[in-house]
Structures are given as C-alpha cells and as structure tokens.
Amino acid sequence: MLKLQKEKLLLLKLKKTLKLKNKPLLCVKKIAIFRKITRRHGLAGNVILKLDTDQPELYNKLESIFVEINGLLVPFFIEKSSWSKLDALNLAFKNSSEAMVDQTLGKNVYLPLASLPKLTGKQFYYHEIIGFEIFDQDDNNCGVIRSVNDQTAQVYFITNLDGKEVVIPMIKDWILDVDREERTIKMELPEGLIDVFLVPSKKDE
C-alpha cells in the first residue's frame, strides 16, 4: 500500500514538473531525452534501455521513466534494474502487459530535467551541450555543437562551422574546459583536424 501511494505521489510530482496538460511533446521544455529502448531481454518482459550518458553509475536507483508512445509521454515504473553493458540497463517494469512492453520497443525515453543529477566541471550530459561552441587550444572556433553521435564505438561532436559539418571525436583527454555560463567547450585538438572538413579536396576543386 505504501509503495502504491509512493508511486502515485511520484507520478503526480513528475506530471507537475513536466506540466504536460495535453501539450504536444515538442512543446514540453522541462524534459531531456534519455535515449531509447532498443530491444527485449529474455522471456520475462524485460527491456534494454540505452543510456545517453558517460556516467551510468548515476542511474543505479532509477525509479521511473517516460516513454514516448504515439506522441504522448507514458510513465513506466521500474521494478528491477541491472546493468547489461556499461551504457545499457536491463529493466523490468511494474504491472505492464506484454502489449505495453511491445509498444516501448524502439521508442525514445525521457526524464524530467529536475530529476537529473547536476554535473559540474568537465562532466556533462549530451543534451545540455547542444548549442555550445567548441574552441581549440589556440582559441580557434571549431563550430557550434549541433548533435552528438553516440551510435559508434567512438562518440563524436557534430558541429556547424561556416555552414559546413565538422566531426570532432569526444575524447575525455582532449576536453580542457567546459564553461556553462559562456556555453563553450575548449579542446586540445590535433593540428589539421578541422582543416579536413574545411579545405576542399582535389576532387572537389
């Protein structure tokens, strides 16, 4: 009974935080995409949640998530979780039918921004640095971060510099500073890396 009351209170709190009130998903400003449910795991209705973070240990006690189903954010309460990989959680939902579990597959997962632990220093969430400018060690502008590609073994910043797409490996040792007030990231980049994307090749000339 106490668990049920706790879940109801948590759901009300989350809804209040998100201020959904039948607004379209794109109008909700206080949520962050947490990544995606990629597949089922086993025969007990478990699913694998791919995480959008390089600090998965922050989510050892995740209690609930919102899954985007048909344009709506549907809450799912977590009964049990364990690590499948360093960036993937094996989740078991409470009181969910097979049909509901099937609807979560391949869907985006969200968390209220207020529920995310605050990061400082050179640690950051991928969603929070969208729009930041990257500068190299010599203060040369390397573009505005448009997206983060984490679909490969090496994660990349995708920036826009003078209308051209620039791909910069997200290597921790290369990151010198993250300034949240100025919305900038300073990196130590190999000489000539940015020129690869800006200087036309002989084929293009």
Protein backbone atom coordinates (compact mmCIF):
# COMPACT_ATOMS: atom_id res chain seq x y z
CA MET A 1 0.00 0.00 0.00
CA LEU A 2 2.79 2.38 0.90
CA LYS A 3 4.57 1.52 -2.37
CA LEU A 4 1.41 2.29 -4.33
CA GLN A 5 0.99 5.64 -2.59
CA LYS A 6 4.65 6.44 -3.24
CA GLU A 7 4.23 5.68 -6.94
CA LYS A 8 1.13 7.86 -7.18
CA LEU A 9 2.91 10.74 -5.45
CA LEU A 10 5.91 10.33 -7.74
CA LEU A 11 3.70 10.30 -10.82
CA LEU A 12 1.90 13.47 -9.69
CA LYS A 13 5.24 15.12 -9.00
CA LEU A 14 6.58 14.17 -12.41
CA LYS A 15 3.46 15.39 -14.18
CA LYS A 16 3.62 18.67 -12.26
CA THR A 17 7.28 19.07 -13.16
CA LEU A 18 6.63 18.41 -16.82
CA LYS A 19 3.39 20.44 -16.90
CA LEU A 20 2.09 18.23 -19.69
CA LYS A 21 -1.59 19.27 -19.72
CA ASN A 22 -2.10 17.75 -23.18
CA LYS A 23 0.65 19.86 -24.74
CA PRO A 24 2.38 18.41 -27.81
CA LEU A 25 5.62 16.66 -26.97
CA LEU A 26 7.77 19.27 -28.72
CA CYS A 27 6.29 21.99 -26.52
CA VAL A 28 7.49 20.35 -23.30
CA LYS A 29 10.63 22.22 -22.23
CA LYS A 30 11.47 20.51 -18.95
CA ILE A 31 12.33 17.04 -20.13
CA ALA A 32 15.52 15.52 -21.50
CA ILE A 33 15.78 12.63 -23.89
CA PHE A 34 17.44 9.79 -22.03
CA ARG A 35 17.95 7.62 -25.10
CA LYS A 36 15.97 4.67 -26.38
CA ILE A 37 14.61 1.24 -25.52
CA THR A 38 16.38 -0.92 -28.06
CA ARG A 39 15.06 -4.46 -27.58
CA ARG A 40 13.59 -7.10 -25.31
CA HIS A 41 15.79 -9.11 -22.98
CA GLY A 42 14.82 -12.67 -22.12
CA LEU A 43 11.28 -14.00 -21.86
CA ALA A 44 10.13 -12.20 -18.70
CA GLY A 45 9.16 -8.89 -20.32
CA ASN A 46 12.45 -7.13 -19.62
CA VAL A 47 13.81 -4.48 -22.00
CA ILE A 48 17.20 -2.92 -22.69
CA LEU A 49 17.47 0.85 -22.21
CA LYS A 50 20.40 2.51 -23.99
CA LEU A 51 21.62 5.47 -21.91
CA ASP A 52 22.61 8.96 -23.04
CA THR A 53 25.39 9.46 -20.50
CA ASP A 54 29.04 8.69 -19.89
CA GLN A 55 28.30 8.33 -16.17
CA PRO A 56 25.85 5.41 -15.94
CA GLU A 57 26.54 4.98 -12.22
CA LEU A 58 24.28 8.00 -11.60
CA TYR A 59 21.26 5.90 -12.55
CA ASN A 60 21.67 2.88 -10.30
CA LYS A 61 18.46 3.79 -8.45
CA LEU A 62 16.26 4.86 -11.35
CA GLU A 63 12.62 4.56 -10.24
CA SER A 64 10.66 5.53 -13.34
CA ILE A 65 10.93 6.72 -16.92
CA PHE A 66 8.67 8.31 -19.53
CA VAL A 67 8.36 6.55 -22.89
CA GLU A 68 7.12 8.40 -25.98
CA ILE A 69 4.24 6.37 -27.38
CA ASN A 70 2.10 7.89 -30.16
CA GLY A 71 3.28 11.39 -29.25
CA LEU A 72 2.47 11.03 -25.54
CA LEU A 73 4.80 10.59 -22.59
CA VAL A 74 3.70 7.40 -20.84
CA PRO A 75 5.14 6.72 -17.35
CA PHE A 76 6.63 3.31 -16.56
CA PHE A 77 7.65 2.37 -13.03
CA ILE A 78 10.73 0.21 -12.66
CA GLU A 79 10.52 -2.92 -10.54
CA LYS A 80 14.08 -4.10 -11.05
CA SER A 81 17.12 -2.97 -12.99
CA SER A 82 20.59 -4.32 -13.68
CA TRP A 83 23.45 -3.41 -15.99
CA SER A 84 23.53 -5.14 -19.35
CA LYS A 85 26.54 -3.15 -20.59
CA LEU A 86 28.31 -0.03 -19.37
CA ASP A 87 25.76 2.15 -21.16
CA ALA A 88 22.67 -0.06 -21.10
CA LEU A 89 20.18 -1.01 -18.39
CA ASN A 90 18.15 -4.22 -18.24
CA LEU A 91 14.74 -3.08 -16.94
CA ALA A 92 11.72 -4.89 -15.57
CA PHE A 93 8.56 -2.74 -15.42
CA LYS A 94 5.85 -2.94 -12.77
CA ASN A 95 2.33 -4.02 -13.78
CA SER A 96 2.97 -3.84 -17.52
CA SER A 97 1.34 -6.18 -20.02
CA GLU A 98 3.19 -7.81 -22.91
CA ALA A 99 1.38 -5.45 -25.29
CA MET A 100 2.59 -2.38 -23.36
CA VAL A 101 6.15 -3.68 -23.32
CA ASP A 102 5.99 -4.23 -27.07
CA GLN A 103 4.93 -0.61 -27.55
CA THR A 104 8.09 0.63 -25.82
CA LEU A 105 10.48 -1.09 -28.22
CA GLY A 106 12.44 1.36 -30.33
CA LYS A 107 10.85 4.32 -28.54
CA ASN A 108 12.57 7.36 -27.07
CA VAL A 109 12.83 7.57 -23.29
CA TYR A 110 12.67 10.82 -21.29
CA LEU A 111 13.37 12.01 -17.77
CA PRO A 112 12.38 15.31 -16.13
CA LEU A 113 15.35 17.66 -16.14
CA ALA A 114 14.78 18.27 -12.44
CA SER A 115 15.43 14.59 -11.72
CA LEU A 116 18.85 14.51 -13.39
CA PRO A 117 21.83 14.83 -11.05
CA LYS A 118 23.64 18.13 -11.64
CA LEU A 119 27.01 17.74 -13.30
CA THR A 120 29.90 20.14 -12.90
CA GLY A 121 33.37 20.68 -14.31
CA LYS A 122 34.14 18.73 -17.47
CA GLN A 123 31.28 16.31 -16.91
CA PHE A 124 28.12 16.91 -18.94
CA TYR A 125 25.01 15.38 -20.42
CA TYR A 126 24.88 15.20 -24.19
CA HIS A 127 21.61 17.13 -24.33
CA GLU A 128 22.93 20.06 -22.27
CA ILE A 129 25.84 20.93 -24.56
CA ILE A 130 23.79 21.22 -27.75
CA GLY A 131 24.38 24.80 -28.96
CA PHE A 132 27.74 25.13 -27.17
CA GLU A 133 30.68 26.43 -29.22
CA ILE A 134 33.89 24.41 -29.37
CA PHE A 135 37.25 26.20 -29.35
CA ASP A 136 40.67 24.61 -29.74
CA GLN A 137 43.72 25.23 -27.55
CA ASP A 138 44.58 28.29 -29.66
CA ASP A 139 41.05 29.73 -29.28
CA ASN A 140 40.11 28.96 -32.87
CA ASN A 141 36.36 28.47 -33.32
CA CYS A 142 35.55 24.87 -34.27
CA GLY A 143 31.81 25.35 -34.66
CA VAL A 144 28.55 25.13 -32.74
CA ILE A 145 27.54 21.68 -31.50
CA ARG A 146 24.52 20.57 -33.50
CA SER A 147 24.32 16.99 -32.23
CA VAL A 148 26.22 14.16 -30.58
CA ASN A 149 26.71 10.88 -32.44
CA ASP A 150 26.95 8.01 -29.97
CA GLN A 151 25.91 5.26 -32.37
CA THR A 152 29.50 4.11 -32.89
CA ALA A 153 32.24 2.93 -30.54
CA GLN A 154 33.75 6.43 -30.65
CA VAL A 155 31.37 9.24 -29.69
CA TYR A 156 31.55 12.40 -31.82
CA PHE A 157 30.53 16.03 -31.56
CA ILE A 158 28.85 17.16 -34.79
CA THR A 159 29.35 20.91 -35.21
CA ASN A 160 28.40 23.52 -37.77
CA LEU A 161 31.24 25.82 -38.78
CA ASP A 162 30.62 28.38 -41.52
CA GLY A 163 27.85 26.20 -42.94
CA LYS A 164 30.00 23.06 -43.04
CA GLU A 165 29.65 19.94 -40.90
CA VAL A 166 32.63 19.20 -38.69
CA VAL A 167 33.08 15.91 -36.82
CA ILE A 168 35.16 16.04 -33.62
CA PRO A 169 35.89 12.92 -31.55
CA MET A 170 34.65 13.26 -27.96
CA ILE A 171 37.81 12.12 -26.21
CA LYS A 172 37.93 12.94 -22.50
CA ASP A 173 41.63 13.75 -22.51
CA TRP A 174 41.05 16.30 -25.28
CA ILE A 175 38.48 18.28 -23.27
CA LEU A 176 40.24 21.06 -21.40
CA ASP A 177 37.30 23.06 -20.05
CA VAL A 178 33.50 23.27 -20.11
CA ASP A 179 32.14 26.76 -19.45
CA ARG A 180 28.39 26.54 -18.89
CA GLU A 181 27.94 30.29 -18.47
CA GLU A 182 29.64 31.10 -21.77
CA ARG A 183 28.31 27.88 -23.37
CA THR A 184 31.72 26.88 -24.66
CA ILE A 185 33.93 23.79 -24.62
CA LYS A 186 37.69 24.12 -25.01
CA MET A 187 39.53 21.16 -26.51
CA GLU A 188 43.11 20.24 -27.36
CA LEU A 189 42.75 19.09 -30.97
CA PRO A 190 45.33 17.57 -33.31
CA GLU A 191 46.74 20.00 -35.85
CA GLY A 192 44.86 19.90 -39.12
CA LEU A 193 41.77 18.10 -37.81
CA ILE A 194 39.34 20.93 -38.54
CA ASP A 195 41.01 21.68 -41.91
CA VAL A 196 39.97 18.22 -43.09
CA PHE A 197 36.37 19.45 -43.15
CA LEU A 198 37.01 22.98 -44.37
CA VAL A 199 39.70 22.69 -47.04
CA PRO A 200 38.33 21.39 -50.37
CA SER A 201 39.89 18.18 -51.61
CA LYS A 202 41.41 17.99 -55.08
CA LYS A 203 38.35 16.04 -56.23
CA ASP A 204 36.12 18.96 -55.21
CA GLU A 205 38.24 21.59 -56.93
